[in-house]
């Protein structure tokens, strides 16, 4: 059974001194959703932007294809980091 990711959205919740960033991943299977937390203190907009960039890669793809795509992005970006 191929489950496709149909939507990725961020929900920002103000928690006084910081914001919490939650990520909801919706699939094409009725009722099958995933939740995650992606908070990085004082970097709310950067996290929301990063999730949006990854969402563009994984939406409308199967879980296996999405894993391969995100792994390639991670390998490519980390190999270009200059120290």
C-alpha atoms as a PDB file:
ATOM      1  CA  UNK A   1       0.000   0.000   0.000  1.00  0.00           C
ATOM      2  CA  UNK A   2       1.520   3.302  -1.088  1.00  0.00           C
ATOM      3  CA  UNK A   3       0.624   6.122   1.226  1.00  0.00           C
ATOM      4  CA  UNK A   4       1.063   9.558  -0.317  1.00  0.00           C
ATOM      5  CA  UNK A   5       1.736  12.727   1.600  1.00  0.00           C
ATOM      6  CA  UNK A   6      -0.989  15.154   0.580  1.00  0.00           C
ATOM      7  CA  UNK A   7      -0.223  18.153   2.800  1.00  0.00           C
ATOM      8  CA  UNK A   8       2.384  19.505   5.198  1.00  0.00           C
ATOM      9  CA  UNK A   9       1.494  22.483   7.352  1.00  0.00           C
ATOM     10  CA  UNK A  10       3.054  24.356  10.249  1.00  0.00           C
ATOM     11  CA  UNK A  11       1.153  25.611  13.251  1.00  0.00           C
ATOM     12  CA  UNK A  12       2.910  28.274  15.331  1.00  0.00           C
ATOM     13  CA  UNK A  13       1.792  28.547  18.952  1.00  0.00           C
ATOM     14  CA  UNK A  14       2.865  31.480  21.087  1.00  0.00           C
ATOM     15  CA  UNK A  15       4.166  30.305  24.463  1.00  0.00           C
ATOM     16  CA  UNK A  16       5.045  33.641  26.076  1.00  0.00           C
ATOM     17  CA  UNK A  17       8.849  33.824  25.758  1.00  0.00           C
ATOM     18  CA  UNK A  18       9.052  31.599  22.661  1.00  0.00           C
ATOM     19  CA  UNK A  19       7.002  30.115  19.872  1.00  0.00           C
ATOM     20  CA  UNK A  20       6.385  26.422  19.430  1.00  0.00           C
ATOM     21  CA  UNK A  21       6.323  25.167  15.853  1.00  0.00           C
ATOM     22  CA  UNK A  22       4.223  22.060  15.245  1.00  0.00           C
ATOM     23  CA  UNK A  23       4.155  20.241  11.919  1.00  0.00           C
ATOM     24  CA  UNK A  24       1.125  18.311  10.689  1.00  0.00           C
ATOM     25  CA  UNK A  25       1.597  15.836   7.844  1.00  0.00           C
ATOM     26  CA  UNK A  26      -1.625  14.696   6.170  1.00  0.00           C
ATOM     27  CA  UNK A  27      -1.803  11.652   3.897  1.00  0.00           C
ATOM     28  CA  UNK A  28      -4.224  10.458   1.255  1.00  0.00           C
ATOM     29  CA  UNK A  29      -5.481   7.804   3.708  1.00  0.00           C
ATOM     30  CA  UNK A  30      -8.532   9.030   5.624  1.00  0.00           C
ATOM     31  CA  UNK A  31      -7.596   9.828   9.205  1.00  0.00           C
ATOM     32  CA  UNK A  32      -3.889   9.036   8.811  1.00  0.00           C
ATOM     33  CA  UNK A  33      -1.914  12.094   9.919  1.00  0.00           C
ATOM     34  CA  UNK A  34       1.405  12.667  11.604  1.00  0.00           C
ATOM     35  CA  UNK A  35       2.429  15.349  14.079  1.00  0.00           C
ATOM     36  CA  UNK A  36       5.870  16.622  14.905  1.00  0.00           C
ATOM     37  CA  UNK A  37       7.507  19.493  16.730  1.00  0.00           C
ATOM     38  CA  UNK A  38      10.188  21.612  15.066  1.00  0.00           C
ATOM     39  CA  UNK A  39      10.887  24.452  17.475  1.00  0.00           C
ATOM     40  CA  UNK A  40      14.211  26.253  17.375  1.00  0.00           C
ATOM     41  CA  UNK A  41      14.170  29.109  19.856  1.00  0.00           C
ATOM     42  CA  UNK A  42      14.153  32.574  18.300  1.00  0.00           C
ATOM     43  CA  UNK A  43      14.184  31.097  14.769  1.00  0.00           C
ATOM     44  CA  UNK A  44      10.459  30.631  14.126  1.00  0.00           C
ATOM     45  CA  UNK A  45      10.433  32.068  10.603  1.00  0.00           C
ATOM     46  CA  UNK A  46      13.497  30.053   9.601  1.00  0.00           C
ATOM     47  CA  UNK A  47      11.900  26.816  10.796  1.00  0.00           C
ATOM     48  CA  UNK A  48       8.580  27.566   9.080  1.00  0.00           C
ATOM     49  CA  UNK A  49      10.486  28.354   5.866  1.00  0.00           C
ATOM     50  CA  UNK A  50      12.543  25.167   6.081  1.00  0.00           C
ATOM     51  CA  UNK A  51       9.405  23.074   6.572  1.00  0.00           C
ATOM     52  CA  UNK A  52       7.795  24.787   3.564  1.00  0.00           C
ATOM     53  CA  UNK A  53      10.874  24.033   1.448  1.00  0.00           C
ATOM     54  CA  UNK A  54      10.770  20.360   2.433  1.00  0.00           C
ATOM     55  CA  UNK A  55       7.003  20.214   1.919  1.00  0.00           C
ATOM     56  CA  UNK A  56       7.507  21.233  -1.707  1.00  0.00           C
ATOM     57  CA  UNK A  57       9.695  18.148  -2.130  1.00  0.00           C
ATOM     58  CA  UNK A  58       7.565  15.543  -0.332  1.00  0.00           C
ATOM     59  CA  UNK A  59       3.928  16.473  -1.079  1.00  0.00           C
ATOM     60  CA  UNK A  60       2.256  14.152  -3.605  1.00  0.00           C
ATOM     61  CA  UNK A  61       4.985  11.550  -3.259  1.00  0.00           C
ATOM     62  CA  UNK A  62       4.929   8.178  -1.563  1.00  0.00           C
ATOM     63  CA  UNK A  63       6.536   7.765   1.819  1.00  0.00           C
ATOM     64  CA  UNK A  64       9.473   5.831   0.328  1.00  0.00           C
ATOM     65  CA  UNK A  65      10.074   8.404  -2.422  1.00  0.00           C
ATOM     66  CA  UNK A  66       9.873  11.228   0.131  1.00  0.00           C
ATOM     67  CA  UNK A  67      12.462   9.561   2.361  1.00  0.00           C
ATOM     68  CA  UNK A  68      14.839   9.219  -0.584  1.00  0.00           C
ATOM     69  CA  UNK A  69      14.355  12.859  -1.605  1.00  0.00           C
ATOM     70  CA  UNK A  70      14.942  14.272   1.868  1.00  0.00           C
ATOM     71  CA  UNK A  71      17.999  12.047   2.345  1.00  0.00           C
ATOM     72  CA  UNK A  72      19.450  13.377  -0.922  1.00  0.00           C
ATOM     73  CA  UNK A  73      18.808  16.974   0.180  1.00  0.00           C
ATOM     74  CA  UNK A  74      20.524  16.347   3.499  1.00  0.00           C
ATOM     75  CA  UNK A  75      23.532  14.664   1.909  1.00  0.00           C
ATOM     76  CA  UNK A  76      23.866  17.389  -0.711  1.00  0.00           C
ATOM     77  CA  UNK A  77      23.573  20.301   1.720  1.00  0.00           C
ATOM     78  CA  UNK A  78      25.914  18.839   4.332  1.00  0.00           C
ATOM     79  CA  UNK A  79      28.592  18.090   1.755  1.00  0.00           C
ATOM     80  CA  UNK A  80      28.654  21.756   0.721  1.00  0.00           C
ATOM     81  CA  UNK A  81      29.178  23.202   4.165  1.00  0.00           C
ATOM     82  CA  UNK A  82      32.482  25.080   4.356  1.00  0.00           C
ATOM     83  CA  UNK A  83      34.297  25.109   7.664  1.00  0.00           C
END
